[in-house]
PDB file of N, CA and C in Angstrom:
ATOM      1  N   MET A   1      11.121 -23.912 -31.016  1.00  0.00           N
ATOM      2  CA  MET A   1      10.768 -25.291 -31.370  1.00  0.00           C
ATOM      3  C   MET A   1       9.741 -25.842 -30.366  1.00  0.00           C
ATOM      4  N   LEU A   2      10.044 -25.724 -29.076  1.00  0.00           N
ATOM      5  CA  LEU A   2       9.115 -26.219 -28.067  1.00  0.00           C
ATOM      6  C   LEU A   2       7.805 -25.444 -28.111  1.00  0.00           C
ATOM      7  N   VAL A   3       7.908 -24.125 -28.364  1.00  0.00           N
ATOM      8  CA  VAL A   3       6.699 -23.298 -28.407  1.00  0.00           C
ATOM      9  C   VAL A   3       5.804 -23.743 -29.555  1.00  0.00           C
ATOM     10  N   GLU A   4       6.403 -24.016 -30.725  1.00  0.00           N
ATOM     11  CA  GLU A   4       5.608 -24.448 -31.880  1.00  0.00           C
ATOM     12  C   GLU A   4       4.910 -25.776 -31.587  1.00  0.00           C
ATOM     13  N   GLU A   5       5.650 -26.709 -30.978  1.00  0.00           N
ATOM     14  CA  GLU A   5       5.046 -27.997 -30.647  1.00  0.00           C
ATOM     15  C   GLU A   5       3.902 -27.806 -29.655  1.00  0.00           C
ATOM     16  N   GLY A   6       4.104 -26.915 -28.689  1.00  0.00           N
ATOM     17  CA  GLY A   6       3.063 -26.650 -27.704  1.00  0.00           C
ATOM     18  C   GLY A   6       1.813 -26.097 -28.360  1.00  0.00           C
ATOM     19  N   LEU A   7       1.997 -25.162 -29.339  1.00  0.00           N
ATOM     20  CA  LEU A   7       0.842 -24.592 -30.026  1.00  0.00           C
ATOM     21  C   LEU A   7       0.111 -25.659 -30.828  1.00  0.00           C
ATOM     22  N   GLU A   8       0.860 -26.535 -31.489  1.00  0.00           N
ATOM     23  CA  GLU A   8       0.215 -27.599 -32.265  1.00  0.00           C
ATOM     24  C   GLU A   8      -0.581 -28.513 -31.339  1.00  0.00           C
ATOM     25  N   GLU A   9      -0.011 -28.855 -30.181  1.00  0.00           N
ATOM     26  CA  GLU A   9      -0.720 -29.704 -29.226  1.00  0.00           C
ATOM     27  C   GLU A   9      -1.997 -29.019 -28.751  1.00  0.00           C
ATOM     28  N   ASN A  10      -1.928 -27.709 -28.516  1.00  0.00           N
ATOM     29  CA  ASN A  10      -3.105 -26.983 -28.060  1.00  0.00           C
ATOM     30  C   ASN A  10      -4.197 -26.999 -29.124  1.00  0.00           C
ATOM     31  N   LEU A  11      -3.801 -26.930 -30.401  1.00  0.00           N
ATOM     32  CA  LEU A  11      -4.798 -26.947 -31.474  1.00  0.00           C
ATOM     33  C   LEU A  11      -5.480 -28.313 -31.543  1.00  0.00           C
ATOM     34  N   HIS A  12      -4.748 -29.372 -31.264  1.00  0.00           N
ATOM     35  CA  HIS A  12      -5.317 -30.710 -31.349  1.00  0.00           C
ATOM     36  C   HIS A  12      -5.997 -31.131 -30.042  1.00  0.00           C
ATOM     37  N   TRP A  13      -5.753 -30.418 -28.979  1.00  0.00           N
ATOM     38  CA  TRP A  13      -6.258 -30.836 -27.661  1.00  0.00           C
ATOM     39  C   TRP A  13      -7.774 -30.994 -27.592  1.00  0.00           C
ATOM     40  N   PRO A  14      -8.578 -30.008 -28.091  1.00  0.00           N
ATOM     41  CA  PRO A  14     -10.038 -30.162 -27.970  1.00  0.00           C
ATOM     42  C   PRO A  14     -10.535 -31.469 -28.590  1.00  0.00           C
ATOM     43  N   GLN A  15      -9.963 -31.855 -29.739  1.00  0.00           N
ATOM     44  CA  GLN A  15     -10.390 -33.094 -30.396  1.00  0.00           C
ATOM     45  C   GLN A  15     -10.047 -34.295 -29.521  1.00  0.00           C
ATOM     46  N   HIS A  16      -8.844 -34.295 -28.963  1.00  0.00           N
ATOM     47  CA  HIS A  16      -8.434 -35.399 -28.087  1.00  0.00           C
ATOM     48  C   HIS A  16      -9.358 -35.449 -26.870  1.00  0.00           C
ATOM     49  N   LEU A  17      -9.655 -34.285 -26.301  1.00  0.00           N
ATOM     50  CA  LEU A  17     -10.506 -34.227 -25.116  1.00  0.00           C
ATOM     51  C   LEU A  17     -11.887 -34.794 -25.433  1.00  0.00           C
ATOM     52  N   PHE A  18     -12.422 -34.436 -26.602  1.00  0.00           N
ATOM     53  CA  PHE A  18     -13.740 -34.925 -27.010  1.00  0.00           C
ATOM     54  C   PHE A  18     -13.712 -36.445 -27.149  1.00  0.00           C
ATOM     55  N   MET A  19     -12.647 -36.965 -27.793  1.00  0.00           N
ATOM     56  CA  MET A  19     -12.532 -38.410 -27.981  1.00  0.00           C
ATOM     57  C   MET A  19     -12.414 -39.118 -26.643  1.00  0.00           C
ATOM     58  N   ILE A  20     -11.634 -38.529 -25.724  1.00  0.00           N
ATOM     59  CA  ILE A  20     -11.463 -39.126 -24.393  1.00  0.00           C
ATOM     60  C   ILE A  20     -12.798 -39.133 -23.654  1.00  0.00           C
ATOM     61  N   GLN A  21     -13.549 -38.030 -23.777  1.00  0.00           N
ATOM     62  CA  GLN A  21     -14.858 -37.947 -23.111  1.00  0.00           C
ATOM     63  C   GLN A  21     -15.794 -39.028 -23.636  1.00  0.00           C
ATOM     64  N   MET A  22     -15.831 -39.179 -24.966  1.00  0.00           N
ATOM     65  CA  MET A  22     -16.709 -40.182 -25.570  1.00  0.00           C
ATOM     66  C   MET A  22     -16.303 -41.585 -25.116  1.00  0.00           C
ATOM     67  N   PHE A  23     -14.983 -41.846 -25.151  1.00  0.00           N
ATOM     68  CA  PHE A  23     -14.474 -43.158 -24.740  1.00  0.00           C
ATOM     69  C   PHE A  23     -14.844 -43.422 -23.283  1.00  0.00           C
ATOM     70  N   TYR A  24     -14.688 -42.384 -22.435  1.00  0.00           N
ATOM     71  CA  TYR A  24     -15.002 -42.518 -21.006  1.00  0.00           C
ATOM     72  C   TYR A  24     -16.485 -42.842 -20.809  1.00  0.00           C
ATOM     73  N   LYS A  25     -17.351 -42.143 -21.568  1.00  0.00           N
ATOM     74  CA  LYS A  25     -18.786 -42.388 -21.431  1.00  0.00           C
ATOM     75  C   LYS A  25     -19.138 -43.814 -21.836  1.00  0.00           C
ATOM     76  N   VAL A  26     -18.539 -44.278 -22.935  1.00  0.00           N
ATOM     77  CA  VAL A  26     -18.816 -45.640 -23.408  1.00  0.00           C
ATOM     78  C   VAL A  26     -18.346 -46.663 -22.374  1.00  0.00           C
ATOM     79  N   VAL A  27     -17.135 -46.449 -21.846  1.00  0.00           N
ATOM     80  CA  VAL A  27     -16.587 -47.378 -20.852  1.00  0.00           C
ATOM     81  C   VAL A  27     -17.473 -47.398 -19.608  1.00  0.00           C
ATOM     82  N   MET A  28     -17.882 -46.227 -19.146  1.00  0.00           N
ATOM     83  CA  MET A  28     -18.716 -46.164 -17.948  1.00  0.00           C
ATOM     84  C   MET A  28     -20.057 -46.857 -18.184  1.00  0.00           C
ATOM     85  N   ALA A  29     -20.639 -46.671 -19.371  1.00  0.00           N
ATOM     86  CA  ALA A  29     -21.914 -47.304 -19.697  1.00  0.00           C
ATOM     87  C   ALA A  29     -21.755 -48.834 -19.686  1.00  0.00           C
ATOM     88  N   LEU A  30     -20.674 -49.308 -20.284  1.00  0.00           N
ATOM     89  CA  LEU A  30     -20.428 -50.754 -20.308  1.00  0.00           C
ATOM     90  C   LEU A  30     -20.204 -51.280 -18.893  1.00  0.00           C
ATOM     91  N   MET A  31     -19.447 -50.526 -18.093  1.00  0.00           N
ATOM     92  CA  MET A  31     -19.171 -50.951 -16.720  1.00  0.00           C
ATOM     93  C   MET A  31     -20.480 -51.049 -15.941  1.00  0.00           C
ATOM     94  N   GLU A  32     -21.353 -50.047 -16.095  1.00  0.00           N
ATOM     95  CA  GLU A  32     -22.632 -50.055 -15.389  1.00  0.00           C
ATOM     96  C   GLU A  32     -23.465 -51.254 -15.820  1.00  0.00           C
ATOM     97  N   TYR A  33     -23.503 -51.497 -17.146  1.00  0.00           N
ATOM     98  CA  TYR A  33     -24.296 -52.604 -17.683  1.00  0.00           C
ATOM     99  C   TYR A  33     -23.803 -53.934 -17.123  1.00  0.00           C
ATOM    100  N   PHE A  34     -22.486 -54.160 -17.217  1.00  0.00           N
ATOM    101  CA  PHE A  34     -21.939 -55.424 -16.736  1.00  0.00           C
ATOM    102  C   PHE A  34     -22.057 -55.536 -15.216  1.00  0.00           C
ATOM    103  N   HIS A  35     -21.920 -54.404 -14.513  1.00  0.00           N
ATOM    104  CA  HIS A  35     -22.003 -54.430 -13.056  1.00  0.00           C
ATOM    105  C   HIS A  35     -23.415 -54.835 -12.617  1.00  0.00           C
ATOM    106  N   SER A  36     -24.431 -54.228 -13.238  1.00  0.00           N
ATOM    107  CA  SER A  36     -25.808 -54.565 -12.876  1.00  0.00           C
ATOM    108  C   SER A  36     -26.100 -56.015 -13.243  1.00  0.00           C
ATOM    109  N   PHE A  37     -25.600 -56.452 -14.406  1.00  0.00           N
ATOM    110  CA  PHE A  37     -25.794 -57.843 -14.837  1.00  0.00           C
ATOM    111  C   PHE A  37     -25.125 -58.791 -13.849  1.00  0.00           C
ATOM    112  N   TYR A  38     -23.898 -58.440 -13.448  1.00  0.00           N
ATOM    113  CA  TYR A  38     -23.129 -59.248 -12.499  1.00  0.00           C
ATOM    114  C   TYR A  38     -23.855 -59.330 -11.153  1.00  0.00           C
ATOM    115  N   LEU A  39     -24.391 -58.185 -10.698  1.00  0.00           N
ATOM    116  CA  LEU A  39     -25.103 -58.178  -9.421  1.00  0.00           C
ATOM    117  C   LEU A  39     -26.355 -59.039  -9.500  1.00  0.00           C
ATOM    118  N   MET A  40     -27.094 -58.933 -10.613  1.00  0.00           N
ATOM    119  CA  MET A  40     -28.303 -59.741 -10.758  1.00  0.00           C
ATOM    120  C   MET A  40     -27.951 -61.224 -10.745  1.00  0.00           C
ATOM    121  N   GLU A  41     -26.865 -61.586 -11.438  1.00  0.00           N
ATOM    122  CA  GLU A  41     -26.436 -62.985 -11.453  1.00  0.00           C
ATOM    123  C   GLU A  41     -26.115 -63.453 -10.035  1.00  0.00           C
ATOM    124  N   ASN A  42     -25.403 -62.618  -9.283  1.00  0.00           N
ATOM    125  CA  ASN A  42     -25.038 -62.989  -7.910  1.00  0.00           C
ATOM    126  C   ASN A  42     -26.287 -63.152  -7.044  1.00  0.00           C
ATOM    127  N   TYR A  43     -27.254 -62.233  -7.214  1.00  0.00           N
ATOM    128  CA  TYR A  43     -28.473 -62.334  -6.407  1.00  0.00           C
ATOM    129  C   TYR A  43     -29.234 -63.610  -6.753  1.00  0.00           C
ATOM    130  N   ASN A  44     -29.261 -63.947  -8.059  1.00  0.00           N
ATOM    131  CA  ASN A  44     -29.949 -65.170  -8.469  1.00  0.00           C
ATOM    132  C   ASN A  44     -29.261 -66.388  -7.872  1.00  0.00           C
ATOM    133  N   VAL A  45     -27.932 -66.371  -7.854  1.00  0.00           N
ATOM    134  CA  VAL A  45     -27.176 -67.492  -7.302  1.00  0.00           C
ATOM    135  C   VAL A  45     -27.452 -67.623  -5.800  1.00  0.00           C
ATOM    136  N   LEU A  46     -27.534 -66.474  -5.128  1.00  0.00           N
ATOM    137  CA  LEU A  46     -27.765 -66.496  -3.684  1.00  0.00           C
ATOM    138  C   LEU A  46     -29.221 -66.791  -3.346  1.00  0.00           C
ATOM    139  N   GLY A  47     -30.106 -66.684  -4.352  1.00  0.00           N
ATOM    140  CA  GLY A  47     -31.517 -66.968  -4.116  1.00  0.00           C
ATOM    141  C   GLY A  47     -32.241 -65.783  -3.501  1.00  0.00           C
ATOM    142  N   LEU A  48     -31.678 -64.585  -3.677  1.00  0.00           N
ATOM    143  CA  LEU A  48     -32.327 -63.388  -3.139  1.00  0.00           C
ATOM    144  C   LEU A  48     -33.144 -62.693  -4.224  1.00  0.00           C
ATOM    145  N   GLU A  49     -34.181 -61.992  -3.799  1.00  0.00           N
ATOM    146  CA  GLU A  49     -34.990 -61.249  -4.763  1.00  0.00           C
ATOM    147  C   GLU A  49     -34.590 -59.782  -4.717  1.00  0.00           C
ATOM    148  N   LEU A  50     -34.551 -59.151  -5.896  1.00  0.00           N
ATOM    149  CA  LEU A  50     -34.187 -57.727  -5.948  1.00  0.00           C
ATOM    150  C   LEU A  50     -35.342 -56.875  -5.465  1.00  0.00           C
TER     151      LEU A  50
END
């Protein structure tokens, strides 16, 4: 029973891994975008030039 479940999980694993990779890339891209935007806002508030 456990072996069968393990085999099924292994068959589905590559798809899950691909989805996780895509999700991670999207999250990182958004984080970078917001981080750079946030930094620019802070620099503007402080009156500093980039």
